[in-house]
Amino acid sequence: MTLSRTKKVLLGIAIVVAVLLLVNSLVFQRAFKEEYEHFRAVKPGMTEAEVVKLLGQPYKVYEKATAPKNYYVEGYSFKKRLITNKVFVYIGTEPIAYIYFDDANKVEEAFVGGS
């Protein structure tokens, strides 16, 4: 049995679309992986200046005294915890990072999650 010309064209289009979706998915997975790794490069003991040098200016900064009770970004994962001194929030294409600072303005914890 042979495929009609229309079926061959539709099959060709379906194959092209599938390949494009696969390539797009691989590109985004790589970009996401790089962002996750970049956020995870923050280590306990780093200074606020070192974090800003590495990640740039944060999306949000919350200080303990003025932060809302629910300071988490809606639609993203988080680790429920109190703010010791302040927290920097960074949002990437996919990941989010909450960088918690102690009273000496040094990183005490870095939480990295997804949307």
N, C-alpha and C. Protein backbone atom coordinates (compact mmCIF):
# COMPACT_ATOMS: atom_id res chain seq x y z
N MET A 1 0.83 -1.17 0.00
CA MET A 1 0.00 0.00 0.00
C MET A 1 0.88 1.24 0.00
N THR A 2 0.54 2.23 -0.74
CA THR A 2 1.31 3.46 -0.77
C THR A 2 0.52 4.58 -0.11
N LEU A 3 1.27 5.49 0.49
CA LEU A 3 0.63 6.63 1.11
C LEU A 3 0.27 7.67 0.06
N SER A 4 -0.85 8.29 0.24
CA SER A 4 -1.23 9.36 -0.69
C SER A 4 -0.30 10.55 -0.47
N ARG A 5 -0.25 11.41 -1.43
CA ARG A 5 0.62 12.59 -1.36
C ARG A 5 0.29 13.43 -0.11
N THR A 6 -0.97 13.62 0.19
CA THR A 6 -1.39 14.40 1.36
C THR A 6 -0.89 13.76 2.64
N LYS A 7 -1.01 12.44 2.75
CA LYS A 7 -0.55 11.75 3.95
C LYS A 7 0.96 11.86 4.09
N LYS A 8 1.69 11.80 2.96
CA LYS A 8 3.14 11.94 3.00
C LYS A 8 3.54 13.33 3.49
N VAL A 9 2.84 14.35 2.99
CA VAL A 9 3.13 15.72 3.41
C VAL A 9 2.84 15.89 4.90
N LEU A 10 1.70 15.37 5.36
CA LEU A 10 1.35 15.46 6.78
C LEU A 10 2.35 14.71 7.65
N LEU A 11 2.79 13.55 7.20
CA LEU A 11 3.78 12.79 7.94
C LEU A 11 5.10 13.56 8.01
N GLY A 12 5.49 14.17 6.91
CA GLY A 12 6.71 14.98 6.88
C GLY A 12 6.61 16.16 7.84
N ILE A 13 5.48 16.82 7.85
CA ILE A 13 5.27 17.95 8.76
C ILE A 13 5.34 17.47 10.21
N ALA A 14 4.71 16.35 10.50
CA ALA A 14 4.71 15.81 11.86
C ALA A 14 6.13 15.48 12.31
N ILE A 15 6.94 14.93 11.43
CA ILE A 15 8.32 14.60 11.76
C ILE A 15 9.13 15.87 12.03
N VAL A 16 8.96 16.88 11.19
CA VAL A 16 9.67 18.15 11.38
C VAL A 16 9.27 18.78 12.70
N VAL A 17 7.98 18.81 13.01
CA VAL A 17 7.50 19.39 14.26
C VAL A 17 8.08 18.61 15.46
N ALA A 18 8.08 17.29 15.38
CA ALA A 18 8.62 16.48 16.47
C ALA A 18 10.11 16.77 16.68
N VAL A 19 10.86 16.88 15.61
CA VAL A 19 12.29 17.18 15.72
C VAL A 19 12.49 18.58 16.32
N LEU A 20 11.72 19.55 15.87
CA LEU A 20 11.85 20.90 16.42
C LEU A 20 11.51 20.94 17.91
N LEU A 21 10.48 20.22 18.31
CA LEU A 21 10.11 20.16 19.73
C LEU A 21 11.22 19.50 20.55
N LEU A 22 11.82 18.45 20.02
CA LEU A 22 12.91 17.78 20.72
C LEU A 22 14.11 18.71 20.88
N VAL A 23 14.49 19.39 19.81
CA VAL A 23 15.63 20.31 19.86
C VAL A 23 15.34 21.44 20.85
N ASN A 24 14.13 22.00 20.79
CA ASN A 24 13.73 23.07 21.70
C ASN A 24 13.81 22.59 23.15
N SER A 25 13.33 21.40 23.41
CA SER A 25 13.36 20.84 24.76
C SER A 25 14.79 20.67 25.26
N LEU A 26 15.66 20.16 24.41
CA LEU A 26 17.06 19.96 24.80
C LEU A 26 17.76 21.29 25.09
N VAL A 27 17.47 22.30 24.28
CA VAL A 27 18.07 23.62 24.48
C VAL A 27 17.62 24.19 25.82
N PHE A 28 16.32 24.12 26.12
CA PHE A 28 15.81 24.65 27.38
C PHE A 28 16.33 23.86 28.57
N GLN A 29 16.42 22.54 28.44
CA GLN A 29 16.96 21.74 29.54
C GLN A 29 18.39 22.15 29.84
N ARG A 30 19.17 22.41 28.82
CA ARG A 30 20.55 22.83 29.03
C ARG A 30 20.60 24.20 29.69
N ALA A 31 19.75 25.12 29.22
CA ALA A 31 19.70 26.46 29.81
C ALA A 31 19.29 26.37 31.27
N PHE A 32 18.27 25.56 31.56
CA PHE A 32 17.82 25.40 32.94
C PHE A 32 18.93 24.81 33.80
N LYS A 33 19.62 23.81 33.27
CA LYS A 33 20.70 23.15 34.02
C LYS A 33 21.78 24.17 34.37
N GLU A 34 22.14 25.01 33.42
CA GLU A 34 23.16 26.02 33.66
C GLU A 34 22.70 27.03 34.71
N GLU A 35 21.41 27.42 34.67
CA GLU A 35 20.88 28.35 35.67
C GLU A 35 20.89 27.71 37.05
N TYR A 36 20.44 26.47 37.14
CA TYR A 36 20.46 25.77 38.43
C TYR A 36 21.88 25.71 38.98
N GLU A 37 22.84 25.34 38.15
CA GLU A 37 24.23 25.25 38.58
C GLU A 37 24.76 26.62 39.02
N HIS A 38 24.38 27.66 38.30
CA HIS A 38 24.81 29.02 38.63
C HIS A 38 24.28 29.41 40.01
N PHE A 39 22.99 29.17 40.27
CA PHE A 39 22.40 29.48 41.57
C PHE A 39 23.02 28.62 42.67
N ARG A 40 23.30 27.37 42.36
CA ARG A 40 23.88 26.47 43.37
C ARG A 40 25.34 26.77 43.68
N ALA A 41 25.95 27.68 42.93
CA ALA A 41 27.34 28.07 43.20
C ALA A 41 27.45 28.92 44.46
N VAL A 42 26.32 29.41 44.96
CA VAL A 42 26.33 30.18 46.21
C VAL A 42 26.54 29.21 47.36
N LYS A 43 27.52 29.52 48.21
CA LYS A 43 27.88 28.63 49.32
C LYS A 43 27.80 29.36 50.64
N PRO A 44 27.50 28.64 51.72
CA PRO A 44 27.49 29.24 53.05
C PRO A 44 28.82 29.94 53.34
N GLY A 45 28.71 31.10 53.98
CA GLY A 45 29.90 31.87 54.31
C GLY A 45 30.22 32.96 53.32
N MET A 46 29.63 32.90 52.11
CA MET A 46 29.88 33.95 51.13
C MET A 46 29.28 35.26 51.64
N THR A 47 29.90 36.37 51.28
CA THR A 47 29.38 37.67 51.68
C THR A 47 28.28 38.12 50.72
N GLU A 48 27.55 39.11 51.15
CA GLU A 48 26.50 39.69 50.31
C GLU A 48 27.11 40.20 49.00
N ALA A 49 28.26 40.86 49.09
CA ALA A 49 28.93 41.39 47.89
C ALA A 49 29.33 40.27 46.94
N GLU A 50 29.80 39.14 47.47
CA GLU A 50 30.18 38.01 46.63
C GLU A 50 28.97 37.43 45.90
N VAL A 51 27.84 37.37 46.59
CA VAL A 51 26.62 36.85 45.97
C VAL A 51 26.17 37.78 44.84
N VAL A 52 26.18 39.08 45.09
CA VAL A 52 25.77 40.03 44.06
C VAL A 52 26.74 39.99 42.88
N LYS A 53 28.02 39.83 43.15
CA LYS A 53 29.00 39.72 42.06
C LYS A 53 28.73 38.48 41.21
N LEU A 54 28.37 37.39 41.85
CA LEU A 54 28.12 36.13 41.15
C LEU A 54 26.77 36.13 40.41
N LEU A 55 25.72 36.60 41.08
CA LEU A 55 24.36 36.47 40.53
C LEU A 55 23.75 37.77 40.04
N GLY A 56 24.36 38.88 40.36
CA GLY A 56 23.78 40.17 40.00
C GLY A 56 22.79 40.63 41.07
N GLN A 57 22.05 41.68 40.75
CA GLN A 57 21.09 42.22 41.71
C GLN A 57 19.90 41.27 41.83
N PRO A 58 19.41 41.06 43.04
CA PRO A 58 18.28 40.14 43.23
C PRO A 58 16.97 40.73 42.74
N TYR A 59 16.03 39.83 42.48
CA TYR A 59 14.66 40.21 42.10
C TYR A 59 13.99 40.93 43.27
N LYS A 60 14.18 40.41 44.47
CA LYS A 60 13.60 40.97 45.69
C LYS A 60 14.60 40.81 46.83
N VAL A 61 14.54 41.73 47.79
CA VAL A 61 15.30 41.64 49.03
C VAL A 61 14.30 41.84 50.16
N TYR A 62 14.29 40.91 51.09
CA TYR A 62 13.43 41.05 52.26
C TYR A 62 14.30 41.05 53.51
N GLU A 63 14.03 41.99 54.39
CA GLU A 63 14.71 42.04 55.68
C GLU A 63 13.77 41.51 56.74
N LYS A 64 14.33 40.89 57.75
CA LYS A 64 13.55 40.24 58.80
C LYS A 64 12.48 41.16 59.38
N ALA A 65 12.86 42.39 59.68
CA ALA A 65 11.95 43.31 60.36
C ALA A 65 10.76 43.74 59.51
N THR A 66 10.91 43.75 58.19
CA THR A 66 9.85 44.29 57.32
C THR A 66 9.27 43.28 56.34
N ALA A 67 9.78 42.06 56.33
CA ALA A 67 9.31 41.06 55.36
C ALA A 67 7.88 40.62 55.68
N PRO A 68 7.07 40.42 54.65
CA PRO A 68 5.75 39.85 54.90
C PRO A 68 5.89 38.41 55.39
N LYS A 69 4.89 37.93 56.08
CA LYS A 69 4.94 36.56 56.61
C LYS A 69 5.14 35.55 55.48
N ASN A 70 4.44 35.76 54.38
CA ASN A 70 4.57 34.88 53.22
C ASN A 70 5.33 35.63 52.13
N TYR A 71 6.65 35.60 52.22
CA TYR A 71 7.50 36.33 51.28
C TYR A 71 7.87 35.51 50.05
N TYR A 72 7.35 34.32 49.95
CA TYR A 72 7.70 33.41 48.84
C TYR A 72 7.03 33.85 47.55
N VAL A 73 7.69 33.56 46.42
CA VAL A 73 7.16 33.93 45.11
C VAL A 73 6.16 32.87 44.67
N GLU A 74 4.95 33.31 44.38
CA GLU A 74 3.88 32.38 44.00
C GLU A 74 4.25 31.66 42.70
N GLY A 75 3.97 30.37 42.68
CA GLY A 75 4.22 29.56 41.49
C GLY A 75 5.58 28.88 41.48
N TYR A 76 6.41 29.17 42.48
CA TYR A 76 7.73 28.56 42.57
C TYR A 76 7.85 27.78 43.87
N SER A 77 8.75 26.80 43.88
CA SER A 77 8.97 26.03 45.10
C SER A 77 9.73 26.88 46.11
N PHE A 78 9.65 26.48 47.36
CA PHE A 78 10.33 27.19 48.42
C PHE A 78 10.51 26.26 49.61
N LYS A 79 11.39 26.66 50.50
CA LYS A 79 11.58 25.97 51.77
C LYS A 79 11.06 26.92 52.84
N LYS A 80 10.02 26.51 53.51
CA LYS A 80 9.42 27.39 54.51
C LYS A 80 10.39 27.56 55.68
N ARG A 81 10.78 28.81 55.91
CA ARG A 81 11.69 29.10 57.02
C ARG A 81 11.63 30.58 57.35
N LEU A 82 12.07 30.89 58.54
CA LEU A 82 12.13 32.27 58.99
C LEU A 82 13.38 32.94 58.42
N ILE A 83 13.33 34.24 58.31
CA ILE A 83 14.47 35.03 57.85
C ILE A 83 15.28 35.43 59.08
N THR A 84 16.54 35.06 59.12
CA THR A 84 17.41 35.42 60.24
C THR A 84 17.75 36.91 60.19
N ASN A 85 18.19 37.38 59.03
CA ASN A 85 18.56 38.79 58.85
C ASN A 85 17.90 39.32 57.57
N LYS A 86 18.25 38.71 56.44
CA LYS A 86 17.65 39.09 55.17
C LYS A 86 17.72 37.93 54.20
N VAL A 87 16.93 38.04 53.14
CA VAL A 87 16.93 37.03 52.09
C VAL A 87 16.91 37.74 50.74
N PHE A 88 17.74 37.24 49.83
CA PHE A 88 17.73 37.70 48.44
C PHE A 88 16.97 36.65 47.64
N VAL A 89 16.10 37.10 46.76
CA VAL A 89 15.34 36.20 45.90
C VAL A 89 15.79 36.44 44.46
N TYR A 90 16.19 35.36 43.79
CA TYR A 90 16.59 35.41 42.39
C TYR A 90 15.67 34.50 41.59
N ILE A 91 15.21 34.98 40.44
CA ILE A 91 14.35 34.17 39.57
C ILE A 91 15.03 34.03 38.22
N GLY A 92 15.22 32.79 37.79
CA GLY A 92 15.76 32.53 36.46
C GLY A 92 14.64 32.18 35.50
N THR A 93 14.99 31.61 34.37
CA THR A 93 13.99 31.17 33.40
C THR A 93 13.11 30.10 34.01
N GLU A 94 13.69 29.17 34.73
CA GLU A 94 12.98 28.08 35.40
C GLU A 94 13.22 28.08 36.91
N PRO A 95 14.47 28.13 37.34
CA PRO A 95 14.71 28.02 38.79
C PRO A 95 14.48 29.32 39.54
N ILE A 96 14.39 29.16 40.84
CA ILE A 96 14.33 30.28 41.77
C ILE A 96 15.35 29.99 42.87
N ALA A 97 15.92 31.04 43.43
CA ALA A 97 16.87 30.87 44.52
C ALA A 97 16.52 31.84 45.64
N TYR A 98 16.53 31.31 46.85
CA TYR A 98 16.38 32.12 48.06
C TYR A 98 17.73 32.04 48.78
N ILE A 99 18.40 33.17 48.91
CA ILE A 99 19.72 33.21 49.55
C ILE A 99 19.54 33.91 50.90
N TYR A 100 19.72 33.15 51.98
CA TYR A 100 19.50 33.64 53.34
C TYR A 100 20.83 34.09 53.96
N PHE A 101 20.79 35.29 54.55
CA PHE A 101 21.97 35.86 55.19
C PHE A 101 21.79 35.93 56.70
N ASP A 102 22.89 35.71 57.40
CA ASP A 102 22.87 35.82 58.87
C ASP A 102 23.10 37.27 59.28
N ASP A 103 23.24 37.51 60.58
CA ASP A 103 23.42 38.86 61.09
C ASP A 103 24.75 39.50 60.67
N ALA A 104 25.71 38.70 60.26
CA ALA A 104 27.00 39.21 59.77
C ALA A 104 26.98 39.42 58.25
N ASN A 105 25.77 39.30 57.63
CA ASN A 105 25.59 39.42 56.17
C ASN A 105 26.40 38.40 55.39
N LYS A 106 26.46 37.19 55.94
CA LYS A 106 27.09 36.07 55.24
C LYS A 106 26.01 35.02 54.97
N VAL A 107 26.17 34.32 53.86
CA VAL A 107 25.18 33.31 53.48
C VAL A 107 25.14 32.22 54.54
N GLU A 108 23.92 31.95 55.03
CA GLU A 108 23.75 30.83 55.94
C GLU A 108 23.08 29.66 55.23
N GLU A 109 22.32 29.96 54.18
CA GLU A 109 21.67 28.90 53.40
C GLU A 109 21.26 29.43 52.05
N ALA A 110 21.36 28.57 51.05
CA ALA A 110 20.87 28.89 49.71
C ALA A 110 19.92 27.78 49.28
N PHE A 111 18.67 28.14 49.06
CA PHE A 111 17.68 27.18 48.58
C PHE A 111 17.45 27.45 47.09
N VAL A 112 17.57 26.41 46.28
CA VAL A 112 17.32 26.53 44.84
C VAL A 112 16.23 25.52 44.48
N GLY A 113 15.17 26.00 43.85
CA GLY A 113 14.05 25.14 43.45
C GLY A 113 13.53 25.54 42.09
N GLY A 114 12.47 24.89 41.69
CA GLY A 114 11.89 25.15 40.37
C GLY A 114 10.50 25.75 40.46
N SER A 115 9.92 25.91 39.29
CA SER A 115 8.56 26.46 39.25
C SER A 115 7.56 25.33 39.24
